[in-house]
Amino acid sequence: MKTLVWVEHDNKVVKDATLATVTAASKLGDVDLLVAGSGAQAVADAAAKIAGAGKVLLADDAAYEHALAENVAPLIVTLMQAYDAVLFPSTTTGKNIAPRVAALLDVMQISDILSVEGADTFTRPIYAGNAIATVQSSDAKKVITVRTTAFEKADHEKGNGVVEPVSGQGDKGLSSFVGSEIAESARPELTSAKVIVSGGRALGNSENFHAIIEPLADKLGAAVGASRAAVDAGYVPNDYQVGQTGKIVAPEVYVAVGISGAIQHLSGMKDSKTIIAINKDEDAPIFQVADIGLVGDLFTIVPELTEKL
């Protein structure tokens, strides 16, 4: 079985989500990579070093600079004549391109897989992760998105792939990139951080969130996350949100402060290696998944913990 992996990048570096997607693809068979971008030769060279990669197809065109789905999807469909499956990381951009590819190929998309059980059989979460479904596809071409926290990252230095240029149909004229507003932070990126400190609605307001959560995160060299309730209440921006409708994370350590543990939040962080929960409600659902639980007032516990670190 031949598989193609769409490489997520910023025209400079390969995003970590790609590495886990390559691991998933390798369980299906031979793996080739697609780098679609503008001035992305360095990305293609880096992708060629990913363990398990065969060929790296480089589509270098201004039309692919911002990974617009309307331009990238037809390119992938053209390439799919030589492949049995195409895999994307379940990131914002990956989930934007994959459905369009599936529609153009007239096949069902297989979303957010957790494991590969066979050439046509996979597991995926349903009901916000409350249940795991085993699904089987009879489609000749498979379009798959991968929950990257469920797979180990492929080594990014041990590969010896070969870069080959390919051409697509260029700009389809269906959409255009206007601009982007990207939040800058000195802290690690949420989806790739080894330690995350998240706060919930119990913090009360934005001032408390920053005063309680950020000093602890600074001491731990951690990224900062939040529950949907905290985001909806305006404590922090949307890009802090962890959960079913936010970002899926699996750090080495996840510290949940004042988060009750609704299933929608747990589905985004329950794969964390060690979960530490701080909550005054001893019956909070978060304690059912926590490795370490502290029952008490977060306004007392967290500053003391921060001070002693």
C-alpha atoms as a PDB file:
ATOM      1  CA  MET A   1       0.000   0.000   0.000  1.00  0.00           C
ATOM      2  CA  LYS A   2       1.405   3.399  -0.968  1.00  0.00           C
ATOM      3  CA  THR A   3       0.596   6.391   1.173  1.00  0.00           C
ATOM      4  CA  LEU A   4       1.098  10.128   0.731  1.00  0.00           C
ATOM      5  CA  VAL A   5       1.477  12.485   3.695  1.00  0.00           C
ATOM      6  CA  TRP A   6       0.754  16.192   3.338  1.00  0.00           C
ATOM      7  CA  VAL A   7       3.548  18.054   5.142  1.00  0.00           C
ATOM      8  CA  GLU A   8       2.403  20.948   7.337  1.00  0.00           C
ATOM      9  CA  HIS A   9       4.920  23.798   7.352  1.00  0.00           C
ATOM     10  CA  ASP A  10       5.308  27.576   7.238  1.00  0.00           C
ATOM     11  CA  ASN A  11       7.625  27.586   4.204  1.00  0.00           C
ATOM     12  CA  LYS A  12      10.539  27.530   6.664  1.00  0.00           C
ATOM     13  CA  VAL A  13      10.253  24.512   8.989  1.00  0.00           C
ATOM     14  CA  VAL A  14       8.271  21.274   9.183  1.00  0.00           C
ATOM     15  CA  LYS A  15       5.602  21.352  11.905  1.00  0.00           C
ATOM     16  CA  ASP A  16       5.772  18.617  14.572  1.00  0.00           C
ATOM     17  CA  ALA A  17       2.291  17.373  13.668  1.00  0.00           C
ATOM     18  CA  THR A  18       3.749  15.999  10.431  1.00  0.00           C
ATOM     19  CA  LEU A  19       6.105  13.667  12.299  1.00  0.00           C
ATOM     20  CA  ALA A  20       3.278  11.822  14.070  1.00  0.00           C
ATOM     21  CA  THR A  21       1.338  11.633  10.807  1.00  0.00           C
ATOM     22  CA  VAL A  22       4.313   9.930   9.139  1.00  0.00           C
ATOM     23  CA  THR A  23       4.322   7.334  11.936  1.00  0.00           C
ATOM     24  CA  ALA A  24       0.653   6.612  11.299  1.00  0.00           C
ATOM     25  CA  ALA A  25       1.216   6.386   7.542  1.00  0.00           C
ATOM     26  CA  SER A  26       4.138   3.981   7.978  1.00  0.00           C
ATOM     27  CA  LYS A  27       1.727   1.464   9.515  1.00  0.00           C
ATOM     28  CA  LEU A  28      -0.090   1.321   6.175  1.00  0.00           C
ATOM     29  CA  GLY A  29       2.913   0.865   3.904  1.00  0.00           C
ATOM     30  CA  ASP A  30       5.443   2.895   1.919  1.00  0.00           C
ATOM     31  CA  VAL A  31       5.369   6.617   2.687  1.00  0.00           C
ATOM     32  CA  ASP A  32       5.996   9.558   0.383  1.00  0.00           C
ATOM     33  CA  LEU A  33       5.666  13.166   1.480  1.00  0.00           C
ATOM     34  CA  LEU A  34       4.178  16.200  -0.250  1.00  0.00           C
ATOM     35  CA  VAL A  35       5.603  19.653   0.409  1.00  0.00           C
ATOM     36  CA  ALA A  36       3.396  22.270  -1.254  1.00  0.00           C
ATOM     37  CA  GLY A  37       4.633  25.802  -0.687  1.00  0.00           C
ATOM     38  CA  SER A  38       6.506  28.775  -2.066  1.00  0.00           C
ATOM     39  CA  GLY A  39      10.266  28.973  -1.669  1.00  0.00           C
ATOM     40  CA  ALA A  40      10.008  25.750   0.317  1.00  0.00           C
ATOM     41  CA  GLN A  41      13.185  23.945  -0.768  1.00  0.00           C
ATOM     42  CA  ALA A  42      14.506  24.032   2.808  1.00  0.00           C
ATOM     43  CA  VAL A  43      11.282  22.424   4.027  1.00  0.00           C
ATOM     44  CA  ALA A  44      11.589  19.662   1.424  1.00  0.00           C
ATOM     45  CA  ASP A  45      15.209  19.017   2.422  1.00  0.00           C
ATOM     46  CA  ALA A  46      14.177  18.781   6.081  1.00  0.00           C
ATOM     47  CA  ALA A  47      11.265  16.487   5.204  1.00  0.00           C
ATOM     48  CA  ALA A  48      13.648  14.168   3.370  1.00  0.00           C
ATOM     49  CA  LYS A  49      15.404  13.557   6.693  1.00  0.00           C
ATOM     50  CA  ILE A  50      12.255  12.220   8.378  1.00  0.00           C
ATOM     51  CA  ALA A  51      12.639   8.527   9.142  1.00  0.00           C
ATOM     52  CA  GLY A  52      10.402   6.350   7.016  1.00  0.00           C
ATOM     53  CA  ALA A  53      10.011   8.843   4.180  1.00  0.00           C
ATOM     54  CA  GLY A  54      10.713   7.711   0.624  1.00  0.00           C
ATOM     55  CA  LYS A  55      10.232  10.405  -1.957  1.00  0.00           C
ATOM     56  CA  VAL A  56       9.511  14.012  -1.054  1.00  0.00           C
ATOM     57  CA  LEU A  57       7.364  15.631  -3.731  1.00  0.00           C
ATOM     58  CA  LEU A  58       8.014  19.366  -3.868  1.00  0.00           C
ATOM     59  CA  ALA A  59       5.343  21.567  -5.445  1.00  0.00           C
ATOM     60  CA  ASP A  60       6.926  25.008  -5.316  1.00  0.00           C
ATOM     61  CA  ASP A  61       4.479  27.631  -6.524  1.00  0.00           C
ATOM     62  CA  ALA A  62       3.194  30.953  -5.217  1.00  0.00           C
ATOM     63  CA  ALA A  63      -0.302  29.427  -5.281  1.00  0.00           C
ATOM     64  CA  TYR A  64       0.649  27.103  -2.419  1.00  0.00           C
ATOM     65  CA  GLU A  65       2.364  29.659  -0.194  1.00  0.00           C
ATOM     66  CA  HIS A  66      -0.497  29.887   2.322  1.00  0.00           C
ATOM     67  CA  ALA A  67      -1.845  26.322   1.950  1.00  0.00           C
ATOM     68  CA  LEU A  68      -5.209  27.436   0.594  1.00  0.00           C
ATOM     69  CA  ALA A  69      -7.365  24.313   0.355  1.00  0.00           C
ATOM     70  CA  GLU A  70      -8.840  25.397  -2.981  1.00  0.00           C
ATOM     71  CA  ASN A  71      -5.357  25.250  -4.540  1.00  0.00           C
ATOM     72  CA  VAL A  72      -3.720  22.396  -2.615  1.00  0.00           C
ATOM     73  CA  ALA A  73      -6.588  19.892  -2.897  1.00  0.00           C
ATOM     74  CA  PRO A  74      -6.550  19.635  -6.743  1.00  0.00           C
ATOM     75  CA  LEU A  75      -2.780  19.083  -6.598  1.00  0.00           C
ATOM     76  CA  ILE A  76      -3.233  16.191  -4.170  1.00  0.00           C
ATOM     77  CA  VAL A  77      -6.056  14.683  -6.231  1.00  0.00           C
ATOM     78  CA  THR A  78      -3.788  14.650  -9.277  1.00  0.00           C
ATOM     79  CA  LEU A  79      -1.056  12.880  -7.322  1.00  0.00           C
ATOM     80  CA  MET A  80      -3.485  10.315  -5.853  1.00  0.00           C
ATOM     81  CA  GLN A  81      -3.392   8.304  -9.092  1.00  0.00           C
ATOM     82  CA  ALA A  82      -0.204   6.755  -7.703  1.00  0.00           C
ATOM     83  CA  TYR A  83      -1.317   6.339  -4.073  1.00  0.00           C
ATOM     84  CA  ASP A  84      -3.813   4.307  -2.081  1.00  0.00           C
ATOM     85  CA  ALA A  85      -4.172   6.725   0.839  1.00  0.00           C
ATOM     86  CA  VAL A  86      -3.395  10.315   1.778  1.00  0.00           C
ATOM     87  CA  LEU A  87      -2.937  11.366   5.398  1.00  0.00           C
ATOM     88  CA  PHE A  88      -3.184  14.770   7.049  1.00  0.00           C
ATOM     89  CA  PRO A  89      -2.572  15.839  10.652  1.00  0.00           C
ATOM     90  CA  SER A  90      -5.797  16.826  12.434  1.00  0.00           C
ATOM     91  CA  THR A  91      -4.738  20.442  12.630  1.00  0.00           C
ATOM     92  CA  THR A  92      -6.708  23.475  11.513  1.00  0.00           C
ATOM     93  CA  THR A  93      -5.100  23.471   8.077  1.00  0.00           C
ATOM     94  CA  GLY A  94      -5.108  19.705   7.674  1.00  0.00           C
ATOM     95  CA  LYS A  95      -8.819  19.556   8.495  1.00  0.00           C
ATOM     96  CA  ASN A  96      -9.412  22.327   5.983  1.00  0.00           C
ATOM     97  CA  ILE A  97      -7.777  20.551   3.054  1.00  0.00           C
ATOM     98  CA  ALA A  98      -8.740  16.908   3.700  1.00  0.00           C
ATOM     99  CA  PRO A  99     -12.536  17.191   3.209  1.00  0.00           C
ATOM    100  CA  ARG A 100     -12.073  18.948  -0.127  1.00  0.00           C
ATOM    101  CA  VAL A 101      -9.726  16.162  -1.285  1.00  0.00           C
ATOM    102  CA  ALA A 102     -12.256  13.526  -0.183  1.00  0.00           C
ATOM    103  CA  ALA A 103     -15.060  15.313  -2.034  1.00  0.00           C
ATOM    104  CA  LEU A 104     -13.025  15.597  -5.243  1.00  0.00           C
ATOM    105  CA  LEU A 105     -12.147  11.888  -5.020  1.00  0.00           C
ATOM    106  CA  ASP A 106     -15.775  11.061  -4.142  1.00  0.00           C
ATOM    107  CA  VAL A 107     -14.813   9.027  -1.064  1.00  0.00           C
ATOM    108  CA  MET A 108     -15.656   9.144   2.638  1.00  0.00           C
ATOM    109  CA  GLN A 109     -13.106  10.862   4.867  1.00  0.00           C
ATOM    110  CA  ILE A 110     -11.821   8.873   7.859  1.00  0.00           C
ATOM    111  CA  SER A 111     -11.369  11.478  10.593  1.00  0.00           C
ATOM    112  CA  ASP A 112      -9.111  11.757  13.613  1.00  0.00           C
ATOM    113  CA  ILE A 113      -7.765   8.206  13.710  1.00  0.00           C
ATOM    114  CA  LEU A 114      -6.203   6.914  16.932  1.00  0.00           C
ATOM    115  CA  SER A 115      -4.711   3.683  15.571  1.00  0.00           C
ATOM    116  CA  VAL A 116      -4.243   1.657  12.410  1.00  0.00           C
ATOM    117  CA  GLU A 117      -5.756  -1.817  12.797  1.00  0.00           C
ATOM    118  CA  GLY A 118      -5.291  -2.874   9.178  1.00  0.00           C
ATOM    119  CA  ALA A 119      -5.066  -1.614   5.626  1.00  0.00           C
ATOM    120  CA  ASP A 120      -8.721  -0.549   5.727  1.00  0.00           C
ATOM    121  CA  THR A 121      -9.516  -0.540   9.474  1.00  0.00           C
ATOM    122  CA  PHE A 122      -8.932   2.219  12.009  1.00  0.00           C
ATOM    123  CA  THR A 123     -10.071   3.430  15.419  1.00  0.00           C
ATOM    124  CA  ARG A 124     -11.358   6.931  16.075  1.00  0.00           C
ATOM    125  CA  PRO A 125     -13.038   8.725  18.995  1.00  0.00           C
ATOM    126  CA  ILE A 126     -16.765   9.442  19.046  1.00  0.00           C
ATOM    127  CA  TYR A 127     -19.002  11.211  21.577  1.00  0.00           C
ATOM    128  CA  ALA A 128     -16.185  13.594  22.567  1.00  0.00           C
ATOM    129  CA  GLY A 129     -13.878  10.660  23.234  1.00  0.00           C
ATOM    130  CA  ASN A 130     -16.346   8.860  25.509  1.00  0.00           C
ATOM    131  CA  ALA A 131     -16.249   5.893  23.135  1.00  0.00           C
ATOM    132  CA  ILE A 132     -13.796   4.559  20.577  1.00  0.00           C
ATOM    133  CA  ALA A 133     -15.227   3.349  17.266  1.00  0.00           C
ATOM    134  CA  THR A 134     -13.559   0.836  14.980  1.00  0.00           C
ATOM    135  CA  VAL A 135     -14.287   1.805  11.389  1.00  0.00           C
ATOM    136  CA  GLN A 136     -13.633   0.002   8.114  1.00  0.00           C
ATOM    137  CA  SER A 137     -13.503   1.640   4.710  1.00  0.00           C
ATOM    138  CA  SER A 138     -14.136  -0.026   1.369  1.00  0.00           C
ATOM    139  CA  ASP A 139     -13.096   3.029  -0.653  1.00  0.00           C
ATOM    140  CA  ALA A 140     -10.283   2.433  -3.115  1.00  0.00           C
ATOM    141  CA  LYS A 141      -8.634   5.714  -2.126  1.00  0.00           C
ATOM    142  CA  LYS A 142      -8.503   6.650   1.555  1.00  0.00           C
ATOM    143  CA  VAL A 143      -8.434  10.184   2.902  1.00  0.00           C
ATOM    144  CA  ILE A 144      -7.413  10.169   6.566  1.00  0.00           C
ATOM    145  CA  THR A 145      -6.815  12.753   9.269  1.00  0.00           C
ATOM    146  CA  VAL A 146      -4.618  11.723  12.184  1.00  0.00           C
ATOM    147  CA  ARG A 147      -4.936  12.651  15.842  1.00  0.00           C
ATOM    148  CA  THR A 148      -1.243  13.339  16.256  1.00  0.00           C
ATOM    149  CA  THR A 149      -1.201  12.917  20.041  1.00  0.00           C
ATOM    150  CA  ALA A 150      -2.020   9.217  19.553  1.00  0.00           C
ATOM    151  CA  PHE A 151       1.184   8.424  17.609  1.00  0.00           C
ATOM    152  CA  GLU A 152       4.869   8.761  18.386  1.00  0.00           C
ATOM    153  CA  LYS A 153       6.759  11.349  16.385  1.00  0.00           C
ATOM    154  CA  ALA A 154       8.987   9.967  13.664  1.00  0.00           C
ATOM    155  CA  ASP A 155      12.663  10.777  13.972  1.00  0.00           C
ATOM    156  CA  HIS A 156      13.401  13.906  11.952  1.00  0.00           C
ATOM    157  CA  GLU A 157      17.104  13.265  11.397  1.00  0.00           C
ATOM    158  CA  LYS A 158      17.475   9.643  10.325  1.00  0.00           C
ATOM    159  CA  GLY A 159      15.762   9.636   6.951  1.00  0.00           C
ATOM    160  CA  ASN A 160      17.323   9.612   3.497  1.00  0.00           C
ATOM    161  CA  GLY A 161      14.468  10.527   1.199  1.00  0.00           C
ATOM    162  CA  VAL A 162      14.873  11.980  -2.264  1.00  0.00           C
ATOM    163  CA  VAL A 163      13.331  15.309  -3.279  1.00  0.00           C
ATOM    164  CA  GLU A 164      11.461  15.338  -6.599  1.00  0.00           C
ATOM    165  CA  PRO A 165       9.751  18.392  -8.139  1.00  0.00           C
ATOM    166  CA  VAL A 166       6.095  18.125  -9.146  1.00  0.00           C
ATOM    167  CA  SER A 167       3.740  20.627 -10.696  1.00  0.00           C
ATOM    168  CA  GLY A 168       0.080  21.263 -10.055  1.00  0.00           C
ATOM    169  CA  GLN A 169      -2.655  23.402 -11.518  1.00  0.00           C
ATOM    170  CA  GLY A 170      -1.514  26.556  -9.730  1.00  0.00           C
ATOM    171  CA  ASP A 171      -3.984  29.162  -8.540  1.00  0.00           C
ATOM    172  CA  LYS A 172      -7.575  28.058  -9.125  1.00  0.00           C
ATOM    173  CA  GLY A 173      -8.849  31.574  -8.480  1.00  0.00           C
ATOM    174  CA  LEU A 174     -11.443  30.425  -5.934  1.00  0.00           C
ATOM    175  CA  SER A 175      -9.928  32.079  -2.879  1.00  0.00           C
ATOM    176  CA  SER A 176      -7.158  34.471  -1.937  1.00  0.00           C
ATOM    177  CA  PHE A 177      -5.031  35.069   1.128  1.00  0.00           C
ATOM    178  CA  VAL A 178      -5.791  38.469   2.645  1.00  0.00           C
ATOM    179  CA  GLY A 179      -3.761  38.440   5.856  1.00  0.00           C
ATOM    180  CA  SER A 180      -3.247  36.830   9.234  1.00  0.00           C
ATOM    181  CA  GLU A 181      -2.964  37.965  12.815  1.00  0.00           C
ATOM    182  CA  ILE A 182      -0.693  35.561  14.667  1.00  0.00           C
ATOM    183  CA  ALA A 183      -0.281  35.851  18.414  1.00  0.00           C
ATOM    184  CA  GLU A 184       3.359  36.077  19.444  1.00  0.00           C
ATOM    185  CA  SER A 185       4.465  34.408  22.668  1.00  0.00           C
ATOM    186  CA  ALA A 186       7.776  33.683  24.337  1.00  0.00           C
ATOM    187  CA  ARG A 187       6.261  30.513  25.797  1.00  0.00           C
ATOM    188  CA  PRO A 188       6.285  27.135  24.008  1.00  0.00           C
ATOM    189  CA  GLU A 189       3.601  26.426  21.425  1.00  0.00           C
ATOM    190  CA  LEU A 190       0.607  24.783  23.093  1.00  0.00           C
ATOM    191  CA  THR A 191       0.391  21.720  20.865  1.00  0.00           C
ATOM    192  CA  SER A 192       4.093  20.858  21.149  1.00  0.00           C
ATOM    193  CA  ALA A 193       4.849  21.911  24.755  1.00  0.00           C
ATOM    194  CA  LYS A 194       6.156  19.309  27.183  1.00  0.00           C
ATOM    195  CA  VAL A 195       4.488  21.040  30.141  1.00  0.00           C
ATOM    196  CA  ILE A 196       1.139  22.863  30.104  1.00  0.00           C
ATOM    197  CA  VAL A 197      -0.569  24.819  32.869  1.00  0.00           C
ATOM    198  CA  SER A 198      -4.282  25.355  32.179  1.00  0.00           C
ATOM    199  CA  GLY A 199      -6.815  27.448  34.037  1.00  0.00           C
ATOM    200  CA  GLY A 200     -10.583  27.258  34.255  1.00  0.00           C
ATOM    201  CA  ARG A 201     -13.577  29.391  35.063  1.00  0.00           C
ATOM    202  CA  ALA A 202     -12.919  29.062  38.811  1.00  0.00           C
ATOM    203  CA  LEU A 203     -10.189  31.696  38.480  1.00  0.00           C
ATOM    204  CA  GLY A 204     -12.972  34.271  38.344  1.00  0.00           C
ATOM    205  CA  ASN A 205     -11.624  36.847  35.903  1.00  0.00           C
ATOM    206  CA  SER A 206      -8.835  37.658  33.476  1.00  0.00           C
ATOM    207  CA  GLU A 207      -6.708  39.429  36.110  1.00  0.00           C
ATOM    208  CA  ASN A 208      -6.743  36.383  38.389  1.00  0.00           C
ATOM    209  CA  PHE A 209      -5.996  34.064  35.469  1.00  0.00           C
ATOM    210  CA  HIS A 210      -2.836  35.946  34.537  1.00  0.00           C
ATOM    211  CA  ALA A 211      -1.790  36.507  38.168  1.00  0.00           C
ATOM    212  CA  ILE A 212      -2.208  32.854  39.204  1.00  0.00           C
ATOM    213  CA  ILE A 213      -1.476  30.788  36.089  1.00  0.00           C
ATOM    214  CA  GLU A 214       1.341  32.667  34.352  1.00  0.00           C
ATOM    215  CA  PRO A 215       3.849  32.784  37.267  1.00  0.00           C
ATOM    216  CA  LEU A 216       3.506  28.997  37.680  1.00  0.00           C
ATOM    217  CA  ALA A 217       3.899  28.477  33.926  1.00  0.00           C
ATOM    218  CA  ASP A 218       6.988  30.693  33.926  1.00  0.00           C
ATOM    219  CA  LYS A 219       8.576  28.652  36.727  1.00  0.00           C
ATOM    220  CA  LEU A 220       7.876  25.403  34.870  1.00  0.00           C
ATOM    221  CA  GLY A 221       8.800  26.720  31.422  1.00  0.00           C
ATOM    222  CA  ALA A 222       5.305  25.718  30.389  1.00  0.00           C
ATOM    223  CA  ALA A 223       2.743  26.734  27.823  1.00  0.00           C
ATOM    224  CA  VAL A 224      -0.529  28.234  29.051  1.00  0.00           C
ATOM    225  CA  GLY A 225      -3.897  26.678  28.233  1.00  0.00           C
ATOM    226  CA  ALA A 226      -7.484  27.196  29.280  1.00  0.00           C
ATOM    227  CA  SER A 227     -10.851  25.496  29.385  1.00  0.00           C
ATOM    228  CA  ARG A 228     -13.606  26.575  27.025  1.00  0.00           C
ATOM    229  CA  ALA A 229     -15.459  28.149  29.956  1.00  0.00           C
ATOM    230  CA  ALA A 230     -12.469  30.401  30.683  1.00  0.00           C
ATOM    231  CA  VAL A 231     -12.155  31.355  27.031  1.00  0.00           C
ATOM    232  CA  ASP A 232     -15.874  32.042  26.655  1.00  0.00           C
ATOM    233  CA  ALA A 233     -15.742  34.212  29.791  1.00  0.00           C
ATOM    234  CA  GLY A 234     -13.048  36.324  28.118  1.00  0.00           C
ATOM    235  CA  TYR A 235     -10.173  35.462  30.478  1.00  0.00           C
ATOM    236  CA  VAL A 236      -7.837  34.561  27.589  1.00  0.00           C
ATOM    237  CA  PRO A 237      -7.931  34.426  23.745  1.00  0.00           C
ATOM    238  CA  ASN A 238      -9.362  31.497  21.772  1.00  0.00           C
ATOM    239  CA  ASP A 239      -5.948  30.092  20.863  1.00  0.00           C
ATOM    240  CA  TYR A 240      -5.442  29.102  24.524  1.00  0.00           C
ATOM    241  CA  GLN A 241      -8.375  26.685  24.466  1.00  0.00           C
ATOM    242  CA  VAL A 242      -7.740  22.991  25.112  1.00  0.00           C
ATOM    243  CA  GLY A 243     -10.481  20.487  24.373  1.00  0.00           C
ATOM    244  CA  GLN A 244     -12.811  19.027  21.787  1.00  0.00           C
ATOM    245  CA  THR A 245     -13.414  22.414  20.155  1.00  0.00           C
ATOM    246  CA  GLY A 246      -9.908  23.686  20.945  1.00  0.00           C
ATOM    247  CA  LYS A 247      -6.471  22.141  20.707  1.00  0.00           C
ATOM    248  CA  ILE A 248      -5.656  18.484  21.346  1.00  0.00           C
ATOM    249  CA  VAL A 249      -2.561  18.168  23.515  1.00  0.00           C
ATOM    250  CA  ALA A 250      -0.542  15.367  25.110  1.00  0.00           C
ATOM    251  CA  PRO A 251       2.333  16.909  27.096  1.00  0.00           C
ATOM    252  CA  GLU A 252       4.573  15.172  29.602  1.00  0.00           C
ATOM    253  CA  VAL A 253       2.850  17.136  32.395  1.00  0.00           C
ATOM    254  CA  TYR A 254      -0.580  18.777  32.330  1.00  0.00           C
ATOM    255  CA  VAL A 255      -1.562  20.952  35.290  1.00  0.00           C
ATOM    256  CA  ALA A 256      -5.309  21.680  35.468  1.00  0.00           C
ATOM    257  CA  VAL A 257      -6.101  24.571  37.799  1.00  0.00           C
ATOM    258  CA  GLY A 258      -9.731  25.246  38.657  1.00  0.00           C
ATOM    259  CA  ILE A 259     -10.974  23.025  35.819  1.00  0.00           C
ATOM    260  CA  SER A 260     -13.903  20.748  36.672  1.00  0.00           C
ATOM    261  CA  GLY A 261     -13.175  18.307  33.847  1.00  0.00           C
ATOM    262  CA  ALA A 262     -16.106  18.310  31.453  1.00  0.00           C
ATOM    263  CA  ILE A 263     -15.811  15.537  28.856  1.00  0.00           C
ATOM    264  CA  GLN A 264     -15.219  18.133  26.137  1.00  0.00           C
ATOM    265  CA  HIS A 265     -12.093  19.316  27.960  1.00  0.00           C
ATOM    266  CA  LEU A 266     -10.900  15.830  28.895  1.00  0.00           C
ATOM    267  CA  SER A 267     -11.033  14.729  25.256  1.00  0.00           C
ATOM    268  CA  GLY A 268      -8.364  17.312  24.475  1.00  0.00           C
ATOM    269  CA  MET A 269      -5.847  16.434  27.204  1.00  0.00           C
ATOM    270  CA  LYS A 270      -6.470  12.978  28.657  1.00  0.00           C
ATOM    271  CA  ASP A 271      -3.536  11.490  26.705  1.00  0.00           C
ATOM    272  CA  SER A 272      -1.120  13.612  28.764  1.00  0.00           C
ATOM    273  CA  LYS A 273       1.555  11.505  30.463  1.00  0.00           C
ATOM    274  CA  THR A 274       1.005  12.988  33.945  1.00  0.00           C
ATOM    275  CA  ILE A 275      -2.094  14.971  34.908  1.00  0.00           C
ATOM    276  CA  ILE A 276      -2.090  17.163  38.009  1.00  0.00           C
ATOM    277  CA  ALA A 277      -5.453  18.589  39.095  1.00  0.00           C
ATOM    278  CA  ILE A 278      -6.053  21.396  41.594  1.00  0.00           C
ATOM    279  CA  ASN A 279      -9.706  21.931  42.516  1.00  0.00           C
ATOM    280  CA  LYS A 280     -11.680  22.639  45.687  1.00  0.00           C
ATOM    281  CA  ASP A 281     -14.429  20.201  44.636  1.00  0.00           C
ATOM    282  CA  GLU A 282     -13.266  16.718  45.536  1.00  0.00           C
ATOM    283  CA  ASP A 283     -15.978  15.225  43.309  1.00  0.00           C
ATOM    284  CA  ALA A 284     -14.861  17.122  40.199  1.00  0.00           C
ATOM    285  CA  PRO A 285     -14.598  14.779  37.151  1.00  0.00           C
ATOM    286  CA  ILE A 286     -11.020  15.933  36.546  1.00  0.00           C
ATOM    287  CA  PHE A 287      -9.891  13.813  39.494  1.00  0.00           C
ATOM    288  CA  GLN A 288     -11.032  10.643  37.689  1.00  0.00           C
ATOM    289  CA  VAL A 289      -8.268  11.065  35.111  1.00  0.00           C
ATOM    290  CA  ALA A 290      -5.690  12.850  37.284  1.00  0.00           C
ATOM    291  CA  ASP A 291      -2.505  11.099  38.410  1.00  0.00           C
ATOM    292  CA  ILE A 292      -2.073  13.642  41.214  1.00  0.00           C
ATOM    293  CA  GLY A 293      -4.966  15.541  42.768  1.00  0.00           C
ATOM    294  CA  LEU A 294      -4.877  18.469  45.183  1.00  0.00           C
ATOM    295  CA  VAL A 295      -8.192  19.337  46.832  1.00  0.00           C
ATOM    296  CA  GLY A 296      -8.208  22.904  48.074  1.00  0.00           C
ATOM    297  CA  ASP A 297      -8.428  26.585  47.267  1.00  0.00           C
ATOM    298  CA  LEU A 298      -6.410  27.291  44.124  1.00  0.00           C
ATOM    299  CA  PHE A 299      -5.844  30.887  45.268  1.00  0.00           C
ATOM    300  CA  THR A 300      -3.843  29.461  48.189  1.00  0.00           C
ATOM    301  CA  ILE A 301      -2.319  26.316  46.701  1.00  0.00           C
ATOM    302  CA  VAL A 302      -1.003  27.678  43.395  1.00  0.00           C
ATOM    303  CA  PRO A 303       0.883  30.701  44.803  1.00  0.00           C
ATOM    304  CA  GLU A 304       2.461  28.439  47.469  1.00  0.00           C
ATOM    305  CA  LEU A 305       3.447  25.916  44.784  1.00  0.00           C
ATOM    306  CA  THR A 306       4.880  28.680  42.598  1.00  0.00           C
ATOM    307  CA  GLU A 307       6.872  30.096  45.488  1.00  0.00           C
ATOM    308  CA  LYS A 308       8.434  26.734  46.364  1.00  0.00           C
ATOM    309  CA  LEU A 309       9.511  25.870  42.822  1.00  0.00           C
END
